Amino acid sequence: MPSQKIYKLWGQPFPSYTIDFSNGWHLIGAAYEENTLEEESIKVVFQYIDGSYQQAFTFLPGFGYWIKIGE
């Protein structure tokens, strides 16, 4: 992207969403509320902050996260 831009999205929020992930890395986001990481299969979570990746322990709304799923 050549520059920063704000996009407005609208619509009806959905109360929940469930998806099964295979083993490996996945990029996900948090939508409406803070969530803690309680799933045993999530091995590590990273978020990009201030120019570097840092380990995350909660999902905050409006951010994207790399999660690693293992057995």
PDB file of N, CA and C in Angstrom:
ATOM      1  N   MET A   1       0.839  -1.163   0.000  1.00  0.00           N
ATOM      2  CA  MET A   1       0.000   0.000   0.000  1.00  0.00           C
ATOM      3  C   MET A   1       0.893   1.238   0.000  1.00  0.00           C
ATOM      4  N   PRO A   2       0.604   2.182  -0.845  1.00  0.00           N
ATOM      5  CA  PRO A   2       1.448   3.382  -0.906  1.00  0.00           C
ATOM      6  C   PRO A   2       1.288   4.312   0.284  1.00  0.00           C
ATOM      7  N   SER A   3       0.128   4.292   0.960  1.00  0.00           N
ATOM      8  CA  SER A   3      -0.084   5.165   2.112  1.00  0.00           C
ATOM      9  C   SER A   3      -1.197   4.615   2.995  1.00  0.00           C
ATOM     10  N   GLN A   4      -1.251   5.145   4.191  1.00  0.00           N
ATOM     11  CA  GLN A   4      -2.273   4.726   5.148  1.00  0.00           C
ATOM     12  C   GLN A   4      -3.626   5.281   4.726  1.00  0.00           C
ATOM     13  N   LYS A   5      -4.672   4.513   4.930  1.00  0.00           N
ATOM     14  CA  LYS A   5      -6.019   4.961   4.614  1.00  0.00           C
ATOM     15  C   LYS A   5      -6.995   4.287   5.565  1.00  0.00           C
ATOM     16  N   ILE A   6      -8.078   4.962   5.884  1.00  0.00           N
ATOM     17  CA  ILE A   6      -9.112   4.418   6.754  1.00  0.00           C
ATOM     18  C   ILE A   6     -10.307   4.025   5.889  1.00  0.00           C
ATOM     19  N   TYR A   7     -10.763   2.790   6.071  1.00  0.00           N
ATOM     20  CA  TYR A   7     -11.940   2.297   5.375  1.00  0.00           C
ATOM     21  C   TYR A   7     -13.050   2.098   6.383  1.00  0.00           C
ATOM     22  N   LYS A   8     -14.256   2.553   6.065  1.00  0.00           N
ATOM     23  CA  LYS A   8     -15.405   2.364   6.946  1.00  0.00           C
ATOM     24  C   LYS A   8     -16.180   1.144   6.474  1.00  0.00           C
ATOM     25  N   LEU A   9     -16.492   0.259   7.409  1.00  0.00           N
ATOM     26  CA  LEU A   9     -17.278  -0.937   7.141  1.00  0.00           C
ATOM     27  C   LEU A   9     -18.576  -0.843   7.920  1.00  0.00           C
ATOM     28  N   TRP A  10     -19.645  -1.357   7.381  1.00  0.00           N
ATOM     29  CA  TRP A  10     -20.915  -1.339   8.087  1.00  0.00           C
ATOM     30  C   TRP A  10     -21.664  -2.634   7.831  1.00  0.00           C
ATOM     31  N   GLY A  11     -22.616  -2.884   8.665  1.00  0.00           N
ATOM     32  CA  GLY A  11     -23.421  -4.094   8.563  1.00  0.00           C
ATOM     33  C   GLY A  11     -23.805  -4.570   9.946  1.00  0.00           C
ATOM     34  N   GLN A  12     -24.441  -5.697   9.989  1.00  0.00           N
ATOM     35  CA  GLN A  12     -24.881  -6.269  11.247  1.00  0.00           C
ATOM     36  C   GLN A  12     -23.771  -7.138  11.837  1.00  0.00           C
ATOM     37  N   PRO A  13     -23.415  -6.930  13.102  1.00  0.00           N
ATOM     38  CA  PRO A  13     -22.412  -7.801  13.726  1.00  0.00           C
ATOM     39  C   PRO A  13     -22.965  -9.204  13.905  1.00  0.00           C
ATOM     40  N   PHE A  14     -22.099 -10.165  13.841  1.00  0.00           N
ATOM     41  CA  PHE A  14     -22.527 -11.537  14.087  1.00  0.00           C
ATOM     42  C   PHE A  14     -22.042 -11.967  15.463  1.00  0.00           C
ATOM     43  N   PRO A  15     -22.833 -12.753  16.188  1.00  0.00           N
ATOM     44  CA  PRO A  15     -22.510 -13.081  17.573  1.00  0.00           C
ATOM     45  C   PRO A  15     -21.344 -14.047  17.733  1.00  0.00           C
ATOM     46  N   SER A  16     -21.141 -14.944  16.777  1.00  0.00           N
ATOM     47  CA  SER A  16     -20.025 -15.878  16.906  1.00  0.00           C
ATOM     48  C   SER A  16     -19.732 -16.505  15.552  1.00  0.00           C
ATOM     49  N   TYR A  17     -18.553 -17.098  15.476  1.00  0.00           N
ATOM     50  CA  TYR A  17     -18.115 -17.741  14.246  1.00  0.00           C
ATOM     51  C   TYR A  17     -17.164 -18.859  14.636  1.00  0.00           C
ATOM     52  N   THR A  18     -17.324 -20.022  14.054  1.00  0.00           N
ATOM     53  CA  THR A  18     -16.484 -21.164  14.377  1.00  0.00           C
ATOM     54  C   THR A  18     -15.846 -21.695  13.103  1.00  0.00           C
ATOM     55  N   ILE A  19     -14.549 -21.999  13.186  1.00  0.00           N
ATOM     56  CA  ILE A  19     -13.835 -22.569  12.048  1.00  0.00           C
ATOM     57  C   ILE A  19     -12.790 -23.546  12.584  1.00  0.00           C
ATOM     58  N   ASP A  20     -12.573 -24.626  11.874  1.00  0.00           N
ATOM     59  CA  ASP A  20     -11.544 -25.592  12.244  1.00  0.00           C
ATOM     60  C   ASP A  20     -10.270 -25.273  11.465  1.00  0.00           C
ATOM     61  N   PHE A  21      -9.150 -25.195  12.165  1.00  0.00           N
ATOM     62  CA  PHE A  21      -7.854 -24.924  11.547  1.00  0.00           C
ATOM     63  C   PHE A  21      -7.032 -26.198  11.476  1.00  0.00           C
ATOM     64  N   SER A  22      -6.295 -26.349  10.407  1.00  0.00           N
ATOM     65  CA  SER A  22      -5.335 -27.445  10.305  1.00  0.00           C
ATOM     66  C   SER A  22      -4.061 -27.039  11.057  1.00  0.00           C
ATOM     67  N   ASN A  23      -3.155 -27.983  11.262  1.00  0.00           N
ATOM     68  CA  ASN A  23      -1.882 -27.673  11.912  1.00  0.00           C
ATOM     69  C   ASN A  23      -1.118 -26.674  11.060  1.00  0.00           C
ATOM     70  N   GLY A  24      -0.354 -25.807  11.709  1.00  0.00           N
ATOM     71  CA  GLY A  24       0.451 -24.819  11.001  1.00  0.00           C
ATOM     72  C   GLY A  24       0.045 -23.400  11.377  1.00  0.00           C
ATOM     73  N   TRP A  25       0.507 -22.435  10.576  1.00  0.00           N
ATOM     74  CA  TRP A  25       0.283 -21.019  10.840  1.00  0.00           C
ATOM     75  C   TRP A  25      -0.976 -20.513  10.150  1.00  0.00           C
ATOM     76  N   HIS A  26      -1.705 -19.616  10.857  1.00  0.00           N
ATOM     77  CA  HIS A  26      -2.922 -19.003  10.320  1.00  0.00           C
ATOM     78  C   HIS A  26      -2.960 -17.543  10.754  1.00  0.00           C
ATOM     79  N   LEU A  27      -3.459 -16.670   9.874  1.00  0.00           N
ATOM     80  CA  LEU A  27      -3.644 -15.254  10.190  1.00  0.00           C
ATOM     81  C   LEU A  27      -5.110 -15.025  10.517  1.00  0.00           C
ATOM     82  N   ILE A  28      -5.384 -14.519  11.716  1.00  0.00           N
ATOM     83  CA  ILE A  28      -6.761 -14.299  12.156  1.00  0.00           C
ATOM     84  C   ILE A  28      -6.890 -12.910  12.760  1.00  0.00           C
ATOM     85  N   GLY A  29      -8.101 -12.492  13.043  1.00  0.00           N
ATOM     86  CA  GLY A  29      -8.351 -11.220  13.691  1.00  0.00           C
ATOM     87  C   GLY A  29      -9.398 -11.364  14.771  1.00  0.00           C
ATOM     88  N   ALA A  30      -9.429 -10.389  15.656  1.00  0.00           N
ATOM     89  CA  ALA A  30     -10.430 -10.355  16.718  1.00  0.00           C
ATOM     90  C   ALA A  30     -11.435  -9.261  16.369  1.00  0.00           C
ATOM     91  N   ALA A  31     -12.721  -9.552  16.518  1.00  0.00           N
ATOM     92  CA  ALA A  31     -13.730  -8.629  16.029  1.00  0.00           C
ATOM     93  C   ALA A  31     -14.308  -7.694  17.095  1.00  0.00           C
ATOM     94  N   TYR A  32     -14.898  -8.236  18.143  1.00  0.00           N
ATOM     95  CA  TYR A  32     -15.722  -7.391  19.000  1.00  0.00           C
ATOM     96  C   TYR A  32     -15.315  -7.297  20.459  1.00  0.00           C
ATOM     97  N   GLU A  33     -14.658  -8.284  20.982  1.00  0.00           N
ATOM     98  CA  GLU A  33     -14.322  -8.226  22.399  1.00  0.00           C
ATOM     99  C   GLU A  33     -13.001  -8.946  22.649  1.00  0.00           C
ATOM    100  N   GLU A  34     -12.371  -8.598  23.748  1.00  0.00           N
ATOM    101  CA  GLU A  34     -11.101  -9.222  24.126  1.00  0.00           C
ATOM    102  C   GLU A  34     -11.340 -10.674  24.502  1.00  0.00           C
ATOM    103  N   ASN A  35     -10.445 -11.554  24.036  1.00  0.00           N
ATOM    104  CA  ASN A  35     -10.533 -12.973  24.357  1.00  0.00           C
ATOM    105  C   ASN A  35      -9.176 -13.476  24.837  1.00  0.00           C
ATOM    106  N   THR A  36      -9.189 -14.353  25.809  1.00  0.00           N
ATOM    107  CA  THR A  36      -7.948 -14.980  26.252  1.00  0.00           C
ATOM    108  C   THR A  36      -7.733 -16.265  25.474  1.00  0.00           C
ATOM    109  N   LEU A  37      -6.501 -16.714  25.431  1.00  0.00           N
ATOM    110  CA  LEU A  37      -6.135 -17.909  24.680  1.00  0.00           C
ATOM    111  C   LEU A  37      -6.243 -19.115  25.585  1.00  0.00           C
ATOM    112  N   GLU A  38      -7.264 -19.912  25.399  1.00  0.00           N
ATOM    113  CA  GLU A  38      -7.504 -21.049  26.278  1.00  0.00           C
ATOM    114  C   GLU A  38      -7.444 -22.387  25.563  1.00  0.00           C
ATOM    115  N   GLU A  39      -7.270 -22.382  24.262  1.00  0.00           N
ATOM    116  CA  GLU A  39      -7.277 -23.609  23.479  1.00  0.00           C
ATOM    117  C   GLU A  39      -5.897 -24.263  23.519  1.00  0.00           C
ATOM    118  N   GLU A  40      -5.833 -25.542  23.893  1.00  0.00           N
ATOM    119  CA  GLU A  40      -4.558 -26.267  24.000  1.00  0.00           C
ATOM    120  C   GLU A  40      -3.836 -26.394  22.664  1.00  0.00           C
ATOM    121  N   SER A  41      -4.590 -26.447  21.580  1.00  0.00           N
ATOM    122  CA  SER A  41      -3.960 -26.650  20.273  1.00  0.00           C
ATOM    123  C   SER A  41      -3.259 -25.394  19.751  1.00  0.00           C
ATOM    124  N   ILE A  42      -3.519 -24.209  20.340  1.00  0.00           N
ATOM    125  CA  ILE A  42      -2.803 -22.990  19.953  1.00  0.00           C
ATOM    126  C   ILE A  42      -1.463 -23.003  20.670  1.00  0.00           C
ATOM    127  N   LYS A  43      -0.400 -23.170  19.907  1.00  0.00           N
ATOM    128  CA  LYS A  43       0.934 -23.290  20.498  1.00  0.00           C
ATOM    129  C   LYS A  43       1.582 -21.943  20.760  1.00  0.00           C
ATOM    130  N   VAL A  44       1.385 -20.960  19.860  1.00  0.00           N
ATOM    131  CA  VAL A  44       1.961 -19.630  20.045  1.00  0.00           C
ATOM    132  C   VAL A  44       1.161 -18.645  19.204  1.00  0.00           C
ATOM    133  N   VAL A  45       1.117 -17.382  19.666  1.00  0.00           N
ATOM    134  CA  VAL A  45       0.410 -16.309  18.965  1.00  0.00           C
ATOM    135  C   VAL A  45       1.337 -15.099  18.893  1.00  0.00           C
ATOM    136  N   PHE A  46       1.405 -14.474  17.716  1.00  0.00           N
ATOM    137  CA  PHE A  46       2.198 -13.259  17.538  1.00  0.00           C
ATOM    138  C   PHE A  46       1.334 -12.155  16.963  1.00  0.00           C
ATOM    139  N   GLN A  47       1.629 -10.921  17.371  1.00  0.00           N
ATOM    140  CA  GLN A  47       1.015  -9.742  16.771  1.00  0.00           C
ATOM    141  C   GLN A  47       2.123  -8.779  16.365  1.00  0.00           C
ATOM    142  N   TYR A  48       1.847  -7.925  15.398  1.00  0.00           N
ATOM    143  CA  TYR A  48       2.828  -6.974  14.883  1.00  0.00           C
ATOM    144  C   TYR A  48       2.591  -5.625  15.546  1.00  0.00           C
ATOM    145  N   ILE A  49       3.574  -5.177  16.326  1.00  0.00           N
ATOM    146  CA  ILE A  49       3.460  -3.920  17.059  1.00  0.00           C
ATOM    147  C   ILE A  49       4.770  -3.148  16.927  1.00  0.00           C
ATOM    148  N   ASP A  50       4.662  -1.875  16.583  1.00  0.00           N
ATOM    149  CA  ASP A  50       5.823  -0.976  16.536  1.00  0.00           C
ATOM    150  C   ASP A  50       6.973  -1.544  15.709  1.00  0.00           C
ATOM    151  N   GLY A  51       6.670  -2.139  14.578  1.00  0.00           N
ATOM    152  CA  GLY A  51       7.714  -2.598  13.658  1.00  0.00           C
ATOM    153  C   GLY A  51       8.291  -3.967  13.921  1.00  0.00           C
ATOM    154  N   SER A  52       7.721  -4.714  14.860  1.00  0.00           N
ATOM    155  CA  SER A  52       8.239  -6.061  15.113  1.00  0.00           C
ATOM    156  C   SER A  52       7.121  -6.976  15.609  1.00  0.00           C
ATOM    157  N   TYR A  53       7.361  -8.284  15.502  1.00  0.00           N
ATOM    158  CA  TYR A  53       6.405  -9.265  16.001  1.00  0.00           C
ATOM    159  C   TYR A  53       6.661  -9.526  17.474  1.00  0.00           C
ATOM    160  N   GLN A  54       5.578  -9.546  18.253  1.00  0.00           N
ATOM    161  CA  GLN A  54       5.671  -9.805  19.685  1.00  0.00           C
ATOM    162  C   GLN A  54       4.654 -10.877  20.055  1.00  0.00           C
ATOM    163  N   GLN A  55       5.015 -11.700  21.018  1.00  0.00           N
ATOM    164  CA  GLN A  55       4.098 -12.748  21.448  1.00  0.00           C
ATOM    165  C   GLN A  55       2.888 -12.126  22.133  1.00  0.00           C
ATOM    166  N   ALA A  56       1.706 -12.651  21.825  1.00  0.00           N
ATOM    167  CA  ALA A  56       0.458 -12.154  22.405  1.00  0.00           C
ATOM    168  C   ALA A  56      -0.170 -13.235  23.275  1.00  0.00           C
ATOM    169  N   PHE A  57      -0.910 -12.804  24.270  1.00  0.00           N
ATOM    170  CA  PHE A  57      -1.572 -13.733  25.179  1.00  0.00           C
ATOM    171  C   PHE A  57      -3.075 -13.507  25.238  1.00  0.00           C
ATOM    172  N   THR A  58      -3.557 -12.455  24.567  1.00  0.00           N
ATOM    173  CA  THR A  58      -4.985 -12.194  24.414  1.00  0.00           C
ATOM    174  C   THR A  58      -5.227 -11.673  23.003  1.00  0.00           C
ATOM    175  N   PHE A  59      -6.454 -11.858  22.523  1.00  0.00           N
ATOM    176  CA  PHE A  59      -6.871 -11.288  21.251  1.00  0.00           C
ATOM    177  C   PHE A  59      -7.620  -9.990  21.544  1.00  0.00           C
ATOM    178  N   LEU A  60      -7.163  -8.879  20.980  1.00  0.00           N
ATOM    179  CA  LEU A  60      -7.830  -7.600  21.167  1.00  0.00           C
ATOM    180  C   LEU A  60      -8.564  -7.214  19.888  1.00  0.00           C
ATOM    181  N   PRO A  61      -9.744  -6.619  20.002  1.00  0.00           N
ATOM    182  CA  PRO A  61     -10.503  -6.222  18.814  1.00  0.00           C
ATOM    183  C   PRO A  61      -9.708  -5.255  17.939  1.00  0.00           C
ATOM    184  N   GLY A  62      -9.807  -5.465  16.633  1.00  0.00           N
ATOM    185  CA  GLY A  62      -9.157  -4.569  15.685  1.00  0.00           C
ATOM    186  C   GLY A  62      -7.731  -4.933  15.324  1.00  0.00           C
ATOM    187  N   PHE A  63      -7.198  -6.002  15.860  1.00  0.00           N
ATOM    188  CA  PHE A  63      -5.832  -6.416  15.572  1.00  0.00           C
ATOM    189  C   PHE A  63      -5.819  -7.759  14.848  1.00  0.00           C
ATOM    190  N   GLY A  64      -4.754  -8.014  14.120  1.00  0.00           N
ATOM    191  CA  GLY A  64      -4.558  -9.299  13.468  1.00  0.00           C
ATOM    192  C   GLY A  64      -3.498 -10.097  14.199  1.00  0.00           C
ATOM    193  N   TYR A  65      -3.568 -11.409  14.116  1.00  0.00           N
ATOM    194  CA  TYR A  65      -2.662 -12.283  14.862  1.00  0.00           C
ATOM    195  C   TYR A  65      -2.254 -13.470  14.003  1.00  0.00           C
ATOM    196  N   TRP A  66      -0.993 -13.845  14.118  1.00  0.00           N
ATOM    197  CA  TRP A  66      -0.508 -15.109  13.568  1.00  0.00           C
ATOM    198  C   TRP A  66      -0.606 -16.132  14.685  1.00  0.00           C
ATOM    199  N   ILE A  67      -1.318 -17.236  14.428  1.00  0.00           N
ATOM    200  CA  ILE A  67      -1.398 -18.309  15.416  1.00  0.00           C
ATOM    201  C   ILE A  67      -0.811 -19.583  14.825  1.00  0.00           C
ATOM    202  N   LYS A  68      -0.132 -20.346  15.667  1.00  0.00           N
ATOM    203  CA  LYS A  68       0.392 -21.647  15.246  1.00  0.00           C
ATOM    204  C   LYS A  68      -0.409 -22.722  15.939  1.00  0.00           C
ATOM    205  N   ILE A  69      -1.013 -23.595  15.129  1.00  0.00           N
ATOM    206  CA  ILE A  69      -1.822 -24.696  15.625  1.00  0.00           C
ATOM    207  C   ILE A  69      -0.989 -25.972  15.587  1.00  0.00           C
ATOM    208  N   GLY A  70      -1.001 -26.725  16.670  1.00  0.00           N
ATOM    209  CA  GLY A  70      -0.317 -28.001  16.744  1.00  0.00           C
ATOM    210  C   GLY A  70      -1.241 -29.050  17.328  1.00  0.00           C
ATOM    211  N   GLU A  71      -0.780 -30.262  17.356  1.00  0.00           N
ATOM    212  CA  GLU A  71      -1.600 -31.359  17.887  1.00  0.00           C
ATOM    213  C   GLU A  71      -1.630 -31.379  19.385  1.00  0.00           C
TER     214      GLU A  71
END
